[in-house]
Amino acid sequence: MKTVIVAIGALTLSSIAYAESSVTSPQVAVGIGVDQGLSAILELNDQYRLSAGNDGMSADYLFKKGQFEQQNIPVDWYVGAGGWAEWDDGDDFGLRLPLGVDWVYKSRIHVYGQVHPELNLHDDVELQLGAAAGVTYKF
């Protein structure tokens, strides 16, 4: 039950923030990745990433993006904040801090990878390390 409440809360907050930030038409990207098991990925305005998979779901807000100083590095970096919930391993849930890179393969195809320190809040507070990777297509 806690997992459902946390998931609904995270999606509600991200939806409200998204609605307030989208003055123009939203940019939507969909894809597949490995985040909470094999996952379906939805990205909104290159800033919000939602993932639902075999093992759970996650929602991230990517609040800082940048480029590396050397021009020959073809990837951008990002930092975000988010939450996750698992329905496979005892209903674990918590907060996470995604640190990742994004590579534009073609004009509409992006490949990303990230590591994210996680704070597991189920039963007792526990620090963990997770990772995710995926491919998205932007409409």
N, C-alpha and C. Protein backbone atom coordinates (compact mmCIF):
# COMPACT_ATOMS: atom_id res chain seq x y z
N MET A 1 0.82 -1.19 0.00
CA MET A 1 0.00 0.00 0.00
C MET A 1 0.87 1.26 0.00
N LYS A 2 1.97 1.24 0.79
CA LYS A 2 2.86 2.39 0.82
C LYS A 2 3.42 2.68 -0.57
N THR A 3 3.74 1.61 -1.29
CA THR A 3 4.31 1.76 -2.63
C THR A 3 3.35 2.49 -3.55
N VAL A 4 2.11 2.11 -3.50
CA VAL A 4 1.10 2.73 -4.36
C VAL A 4 0.95 4.20 -4.00
N ILE A 5 0.93 4.53 -2.72
CA ILE A 5 0.78 5.91 -2.29
C ILE A 5 1.98 6.75 -2.73
N VAL A 6 3.19 6.22 -2.55
CA VAL A 6 4.40 6.93 -2.97
C VAL A 6 4.40 7.12 -4.48
N ALA A 7 4.05 6.09 -5.23
CA ALA A 7 4.04 6.18 -6.70
C ALA A 7 3.02 7.20 -7.17
N ILE A 8 1.83 7.17 -6.61
CA ILE A 8 0.80 8.14 -7.01
C ILE A 8 1.24 9.55 -6.64
N GLY A 9 1.83 9.71 -5.47
CA GLY A 9 2.31 11.03 -5.06
C GLY A 9 3.39 11.56 -5.98
N ALA A 10 4.35 10.70 -6.34
CA ALA A 10 5.44 11.13 -7.24
C ALA A 10 4.91 11.51 -8.61
N LEU A 11 4.00 10.71 -9.13
CA LEU A 11 3.43 11.02 -10.45
C LEU A 11 2.59 12.29 -10.40
N THR A 12 1.85 12.50 -9.32
CA THR A 12 1.03 13.70 -9.19
C THR A 12 1.90 14.94 -9.12
N LEU A 13 2.94 14.91 -8.29
CA LEU A 13 3.82 16.07 -8.18
C LEU A 13 4.54 16.36 -9.49
N SER A 14 5.01 15.32 -10.17
CA SER A 14 5.69 15.57 -11.44
C SER A 14 4.72 16.06 -12.50
N SER A 15 3.47 15.61 -12.46
CA SER A 15 2.47 16.09 -13.42
C SER A 15 2.15 17.55 -13.19
N ILE A 16 2.04 17.96 -11.93
CA ILE A 16 1.76 19.36 -11.62
C ILE A 16 2.91 20.24 -12.07
N ALA A 17 4.13 19.83 -11.76
CA ALA A 17 5.31 20.60 -12.18
C ALA A 17 5.40 20.67 -13.69
N TYR A 18 5.09 19.58 -14.36
CA TYR A 18 5.12 19.55 -15.82
C TYR A 18 4.08 20.50 -16.40
N ALA A 19 2.87 20.48 -15.86
CA ALA A 19 1.80 21.33 -16.37
C ALA A 19 2.15 22.80 -16.21
N GLU A 20 2.80 23.16 -15.11
CA GLU A 20 3.17 24.55 -14.88
C GLU A 20 4.33 24.99 -15.77
N SER A 21 5.19 24.06 -16.18
CA SER A 21 6.37 24.44 -16.94
C SER A 21 6.16 24.43 -18.45
N SER A 22 5.12 23.80 -18.92
CA SER A 22 4.96 23.66 -20.37
C SER A 22 4.10 24.79 -20.92
N VAL A 23 4.77 25.84 -21.40
CA VAL A 23 4.08 26.96 -22.00
C VAL A 23 3.82 26.66 -23.47
N THR A 24 4.75 26.01 -24.12
CA THR A 24 4.59 25.62 -25.52
C THR A 24 4.17 24.16 -25.58
N SER A 25 4.07 23.64 -26.79
CA SER A 25 3.68 22.24 -26.93
C SER A 25 4.76 21.34 -26.35
N PRO A 26 4.36 20.31 -25.63
CA PRO A 26 5.35 19.45 -24.98
C PRO A 26 6.11 18.57 -25.97
N GLN A 27 7.35 18.28 -25.63
CA GLN A 27 8.14 17.32 -26.39
C GLN A 27 8.01 15.99 -25.67
N VAL A 28 7.65 14.96 -26.41
CA VAL A 28 7.43 13.65 -25.83
C VAL A 28 8.38 12.65 -26.48
N ALA A 29 8.99 11.82 -25.64
CA ALA A 29 9.84 10.74 -26.13
C ALA A 29 9.42 9.46 -25.42
N VAL A 30 9.42 8.37 -26.15
CA VAL A 30 9.11 7.06 -25.57
C VAL A 30 10.26 6.12 -25.89
N GLY A 31 10.42 5.11 -25.06
CA GLY A 31 11.51 4.19 -25.31
C GLY A 31 11.46 2.97 -24.42
N ILE A 32 12.57 2.27 -24.43
CA ILE A 32 12.71 1.05 -23.64
C ILE A 32 14.06 1.11 -22.94
N GLY A 33 14.12 0.53 -21.76
CA GLY A 33 15.36 0.55 -21.02
C GLY A 33 15.38 -0.47 -19.91
N VAL A 34 16.44 -0.41 -19.15
CA VAL A 34 16.58 -1.25 -17.96
C VAL A 34 16.74 -0.28 -16.79
N ASP A 35 15.69 -0.16 -16.00
CA ASP A 35 15.70 0.72 -14.84
C ASP A 35 15.11 -0.05 -13.66
N GLN A 36 13.84 -0.31 -13.72
CA GLN A 36 13.14 -1.15 -12.75
C GLN A 36 12.84 -2.48 -13.43
N GLY A 37 13.88 -3.21 -13.77
CA GLY A 37 13.75 -4.37 -14.63
C GLY A 37 13.63 -3.86 -16.06
N LEU A 38 13.14 -4.68 -16.96
CA LEU A 38 12.87 -4.23 -18.32
C LEU A 38 11.73 -3.22 -18.25
N SER A 39 11.96 -1.99 -18.75
CA SER A 39 11.04 -0.89 -18.49
C SER A 39 10.62 -0.14 -19.74
N ALA A 40 9.40 0.37 -19.72
CA ALA A 40 8.92 1.33 -20.71
C ALA A 40 9.28 2.71 -20.18
N ILE A 41 9.79 3.58 -21.07
CA ILE A 41 10.26 4.90 -20.66
C ILE A 41 9.41 5.97 -21.33
N LEU A 42 9.02 6.99 -20.57
CA LEU A 42 8.32 8.16 -21.09
C LEU A 42 9.08 9.39 -20.63
N GLU A 43 9.50 10.24 -21.58
CA GLU A 43 10.19 11.49 -21.26
C GLU A 43 9.35 12.66 -21.74
N LEU A 44 9.27 13.69 -20.90
CA LEU A 44 8.52 14.89 -21.23
C LEU A 44 9.45 16.09 -21.17
N ASN A 45 9.52 16.85 -22.26
CA ASN A 45 10.31 18.08 -22.36
C ASN A 45 11.78 17.91 -21.98
N ASP A 46 12.36 16.76 -22.21
CA ASP A 46 13.77 16.49 -21.86
C ASP A 46 14.07 16.77 -20.40
N GLN A 47 13.04 16.76 -19.55
CA GLN A 47 13.23 17.13 -18.16
C GLN A 47 12.62 16.13 -17.18
N TYR A 48 11.59 15.43 -17.60
CA TYR A 48 10.90 14.47 -16.73
C TYR A 48 11.02 13.09 -17.35
N ARG A 49 11.46 12.12 -16.57
CA ARG A 49 11.58 10.75 -17.07
C ARG A 49 10.81 9.82 -16.15
N LEU A 50 9.84 9.12 -16.73
CA LEU A 50 9.03 8.15 -16.00
C LEU A 50 9.35 6.77 -16.55
N SER A 51 9.45 5.80 -15.66
CA SER A 51 9.80 4.44 -16.05
C SER A 51 8.89 3.47 -15.31
N ALA A 52 8.33 2.53 -16.04
CA ALA A 52 7.52 1.46 -15.43
C ALA A 52 8.01 0.14 -16.00
N GLY A 53 8.38 -0.77 -15.10
CA GLY A 53 8.97 -2.01 -15.55
C GLY A 53 8.50 -3.22 -14.80
N ASN A 54 9.17 -4.34 -15.04
CA ASN A 54 8.82 -5.61 -14.41
C ASN A 54 8.89 -5.54 -12.89
N ASP A 55 9.87 -4.80 -12.36
CA ASP A 55 10.13 -4.81 -10.93
C ASP A 55 9.58 -3.61 -10.18
N GLY A 56 9.16 -2.54 -10.89
CA GLY A 56 8.67 -1.36 -10.21
C GLY A 56 8.55 -0.18 -11.14
N MET A 57 8.55 1.02 -10.56
CA MET A 57 8.45 2.24 -11.35
C MET A 57 9.32 3.32 -10.72
N SER A 58 9.63 4.34 -11.53
CA SER A 58 10.42 5.46 -11.04
C SER A 58 10.00 6.73 -11.77
N ALA A 59 10.26 7.86 -11.13
CA ALA A 59 9.99 9.17 -11.72
C ALA A 59 11.15 10.08 -11.35
N ASP A 60 11.76 10.72 -12.36
CA ASP A 60 12.90 11.60 -12.14
C ASP A 60 12.66 12.97 -12.76
N TYR A 61 13.13 14.00 -12.09
CA TYR A 61 13.15 15.36 -12.61
C TYR A 61 14.61 15.71 -12.86
N LEU A 62 14.98 15.95 -14.11
CA LEU A 62 16.36 16.26 -14.48
C LEU A 62 16.54 17.78 -14.40
N PHE A 63 17.10 18.25 -13.29
CA PHE A 63 17.14 19.69 -13.02
C PHE A 63 18.38 20.40 -13.52
N LYS A 64 19.43 19.69 -13.88
CA LYS A 64 20.65 20.33 -14.37
C LYS A 64 21.23 19.51 -15.51
N LYS A 65 21.49 20.20 -16.64
CA LYS A 65 22.09 19.55 -17.81
C LYS A 65 23.25 20.40 -18.29
N GLY A 66 24.20 19.75 -18.94
CA GLY A 66 25.34 20.49 -19.46
C GLY A 66 26.12 19.69 -20.48
N GLN A 67 27.14 20.34 -21.00
CA GLN A 67 28.02 19.71 -21.97
C GLN A 67 29.43 19.66 -21.39
N PHE A 68 30.19 18.68 -21.82
CA PHE A 68 31.58 18.60 -21.40
C PHE A 68 32.38 19.68 -22.11
N GLU A 69 33.44 20.17 -21.50
CA GLU A 69 34.22 21.27 -22.06
C GLU A 69 34.91 20.90 -23.36
N GLN A 70 35.31 19.66 -23.51
CA GLN A 70 35.97 19.23 -24.74
C GLN A 70 34.92 18.98 -25.81
N GLN A 71 35.10 19.58 -26.96
CA GLN A 71 34.12 19.48 -28.05
C GLN A 71 34.04 18.09 -28.66
N ASN A 72 35.08 17.27 -28.52
CA ASN A 72 35.09 15.96 -29.16
C ASN A 72 34.36 14.89 -28.34
N ILE A 73 33.79 15.25 -27.21
CA ILE A 73 33.00 14.30 -26.42
C ILE A 73 31.54 14.43 -26.87
N PRO A 74 30.96 13.39 -27.47
CA PRO A 74 29.64 13.51 -28.10
C PRO A 74 28.46 13.31 -27.15
N VAL A 75 28.67 13.41 -25.85
CA VAL A 75 27.57 13.20 -24.91
C VAL A 75 27.38 14.42 -24.02
N ASP A 76 26.16 14.60 -23.53
CA ASP A 76 25.83 15.62 -22.55
C ASP A 76 25.65 14.94 -21.20
N TRP A 77 25.76 15.68 -20.10
CA TRP A 77 25.57 15.12 -18.77
C TRP A 77 24.32 15.71 -18.13
N TYR A 78 23.80 15.04 -17.13
CA TYR A 78 22.65 15.56 -16.39
C TYR A 78 22.66 15.07 -14.94
N VAL A 79 21.96 15.83 -14.11
CA VAL A 79 21.77 15.50 -12.70
C VAL A 79 20.29 15.68 -12.41
N GLY A 80 19.72 14.79 -11.64
CA GLY A 80 18.30 14.88 -11.35
C GLY A 80 17.98 14.46 -9.93
N ALA A 81 16.69 14.44 -9.65
CA ALA A 81 16.18 13.96 -8.36
C ALA A 81 14.90 13.21 -8.64
N GLY A 82 14.66 12.16 -7.89
CA GLY A 82 13.45 11.39 -8.16
C GLY A 82 13.13 10.39 -7.07
N GLY A 83 12.18 9.56 -7.39
CA GLY A 83 11.75 8.52 -6.47
C GLY A 83 11.52 7.23 -7.21
N TRP A 84 11.45 6.15 -6.46
CA TRP A 84 11.26 4.83 -7.06
C TRP A 84 10.46 3.96 -6.10
N ALA A 85 9.80 3.00 -6.67
CA ALA A 85 9.04 2.03 -5.87
C ALA A 85 9.12 0.68 -6.57
N GLU A 86 9.32 -0.37 -5.79
CA GLU A 86 9.38 -1.73 -6.33
C GLU A 86 8.18 -2.51 -5.85
N TRP A 87 7.63 -3.32 -6.71
CA TRP A 87 6.54 -4.19 -6.29
C TRP A 87 6.99 -5.64 -6.28
N ASP A 88 8.29 -5.85 -6.48
CA ASP A 88 8.82 -7.21 -6.54
C ASP A 88 9.49 -7.63 -5.23
N ASP A 89 10.30 -6.77 -4.64
CA ASP A 89 11.10 -7.12 -3.46
C ASP A 89 10.55 -6.48 -2.19
N GLY A 90 9.45 -6.95 -1.70
CA GLY A 90 8.92 -6.47 -0.43
C GLY A 90 8.43 -5.04 -0.44
N ASP A 91 8.02 -4.54 -1.57
CA ASP A 91 7.47 -3.19 -1.68
C ASP A 91 8.45 -2.10 -1.24
N ASP A 92 9.72 -2.23 -1.60
CA ASP A 92 10.71 -1.20 -1.30
C ASP A 92 10.38 0.08 -2.04
N PHE A 93 10.73 1.22 -1.46
CA PHE A 93 10.53 2.51 -2.11
C PHE A 93 11.55 3.49 -1.54
N GLY A 94 11.79 4.58 -2.27
CA GLY A 94 12.74 5.55 -1.76
C GLY A 94 13.00 6.69 -2.72
N LEU A 95 14.07 7.43 -2.42
CA LEU A 95 14.49 8.58 -3.21
C LEU A 95 15.79 8.24 -3.92
N ARG A 96 16.07 8.96 -5.01
CA ARG A 96 17.32 8.72 -5.74
C ARG A 96 17.81 9.99 -6.40
N LEU A 97 19.10 10.00 -6.76
CA LEU A 97 19.76 11.13 -7.38
C LEU A 97 20.45 10.66 -8.66
N PRO A 98 19.75 10.72 -9.82
CA PRO A 98 20.35 10.24 -11.07
C PRO A 98 21.50 11.14 -11.55
N LEU A 99 22.62 10.53 -11.90
CA LEU A 99 23.78 11.19 -12.49
C LEU A 99 24.06 10.44 -13.79
N GLY A 100 23.88 11.13 -14.93
CA GLY A 100 23.98 10.37 -16.17
C GLY A 100 24.51 11.13 -17.35
N VAL A 101 24.60 10.40 -18.46
CA VAL A 101 25.02 10.96 -19.74
C VAL A 101 23.97 10.62 -20.79
N ASP A 102 23.85 11.51 -21.78
CA ASP A 102 22.87 11.36 -22.85
C ASP A 102 23.59 11.56 -24.18
N TRP A 103 23.43 10.61 -25.09
CA TRP A 103 24.07 10.67 -26.39
C TRP A 103 22.99 10.73 -27.46
N VAL A 104 23.05 11.74 -28.33
CA VAL A 104 22.10 11.86 -29.45
C VAL A 104 22.65 11.02 -30.59
N TYR A 105 22.05 9.85 -30.80
CA TYR A 105 22.49 8.94 -31.85
C TYR A 105 22.08 9.46 -33.21
N LYS A 106 20.83 9.77 -33.37
CA LYS A 106 20.28 10.43 -34.56
C LYS A 106 19.45 11.60 -34.04
N SER A 107 18.90 12.41 -34.92
CA SER A 107 18.21 13.62 -34.46
C SER A 107 17.08 13.33 -33.47
N ARG A 108 16.42 12.20 -33.56
CA ARG A 108 15.31 11.90 -32.66
C ARG A 108 15.58 10.71 -31.73
N ILE A 109 16.72 10.08 -31.87
CA ILE A 109 17.04 8.90 -31.06
C ILE A 109 18.13 9.25 -30.05
N HIS A 110 17.81 9.07 -28.78
CA HIS A 110 18.76 9.34 -27.70
C HIS A 110 19.07 8.04 -26.96
N VAL A 111 20.30 7.89 -26.56
CA VAL A 111 20.74 6.77 -25.73
C VAL A 111 21.28 7.36 -24.43
N TYR A 112 20.84 6.83 -23.30
CA TYR A 112 21.30 7.37 -22.03
C TYR A 112 21.75 6.26 -21.08
N GLY A 113 22.57 6.65 -20.14
CA GLY A 113 23.01 5.76 -19.07
C GLY A 113 23.19 6.58 -17.81
N GLN A 114 22.89 5.99 -16.67
CA GLN A 114 23.01 6.73 -15.42
C GLN A 114 23.30 5.79 -14.26
N VAL A 115 23.89 6.36 -13.23
CA VAL A 115 23.98 5.70 -11.93
C VAL A 115 23.19 6.59 -10.98
N HIS A 116 22.60 5.99 -9.97
CA HIS A 116 21.84 6.80 -9.02
C HIS A 116 21.96 6.24 -7.60
N PRO A 117 22.58 7.03 -6.72
CA PRO A 117 22.54 6.67 -5.31
C PRO A 117 21.07 6.67 -4.87
N GLU A 118 20.69 5.65 -4.13
CA GLU A 118 19.29 5.51 -3.70
C GLU A 118 19.21 5.47 -2.18
N LEU A 119 18.19 6.09 -1.65
CA LEU A 119 17.90 6.04 -0.23
C LEU A 119 16.64 5.21 -0.06
N ASN A 120 16.80 3.96 0.37
CA ASN A 120 15.67 3.05 0.56
C ASN A 120 14.99 3.40 1.87
N LEU A 121 13.70 3.74 1.82
CA LEU A 121 12.97 4.18 2.99
C LEU A 121 12.02 3.12 3.55
N HIS A 122 12.04 1.92 2.99
CA HIS A 122 11.14 0.86 3.45
C HIS A 122 11.71 0.22 4.72
N ASP A 123 10.93 0.11 5.74
CA ASP A 123 11.29 -0.46 7.05
C ASP A 123 12.40 0.32 7.75
N ASP A 124 13.58 0.41 7.16
CA ASP A 124 14.71 1.10 7.76
C ASP A 124 15.43 1.86 6.66
N VAL A 125 16.06 2.97 6.98
CA VAL A 125 16.77 3.76 5.98
C VAL A 125 18.05 3.03 5.59
N GLU A 126 18.24 2.88 4.27
CA GLU A 126 19.40 2.16 3.75
C GLU A 126 19.88 2.85 2.48
N LEU A 127 21.19 3.05 2.35
CA LEU A 127 21.78 3.66 1.17
C LEU A 127 22.18 2.56 0.19
N GLN A 128 21.80 2.72 -1.09
CA GLN A 128 22.08 1.73 -2.13
C GLN A 128 22.60 2.46 -3.37
N LEU A 129 23.04 1.71 -4.35
CA LEU A 129 23.46 2.28 -5.62
C LEU A 129 22.74 1.53 -6.74
N GLY A 130 22.10 2.28 -7.63
CA GLY A 130 21.40 1.69 -8.76
C GLY A 130 21.95 2.24 -10.06
N ALA A 131 21.47 1.68 -11.16
CA ALA A 131 21.89 2.13 -12.48
C ALA A 131 20.75 1.93 -13.46
N ALA A 132 20.79 2.66 -14.56
CA ALA A 132 19.77 2.54 -15.59
C ALA A 132 20.39 2.88 -16.94
N ALA A 133 19.81 2.33 -18.00
CA ALA A 133 20.23 2.64 -19.37
C ALA A 133 19.01 2.48 -20.26
N GLY A 134 18.96 3.26 -21.34
CA GLY A 134 17.82 3.14 -22.22
C GLY A 134 18.00 3.87 -23.53
N VAL A 135 17.03 3.67 -24.41
CA VAL A 135 16.98 4.30 -25.72
C VAL A 135 15.60 4.92 -25.86
N THR A 136 15.53 6.18 -26.30
CA THR A 136 14.24 6.84 -26.50
C THR A 136 14.14 7.43 -27.90
N TYR A 137 12.91 7.54 -28.37
CA TYR A 137 12.61 8.17 -29.66
C TYR A 137 11.73 9.38 -29.39
N LYS A 138 12.17 10.55 -29.86
CA LYS A 138 11.45 11.80 -29.60
C LYS A 138 10.49 12.12 -30.75
N PHE A 139 9.26 12.44 -30.39
CA PHE A 139 8.24 12.82 -31.39
C PHE A 139 8.22 14.31 -31.59
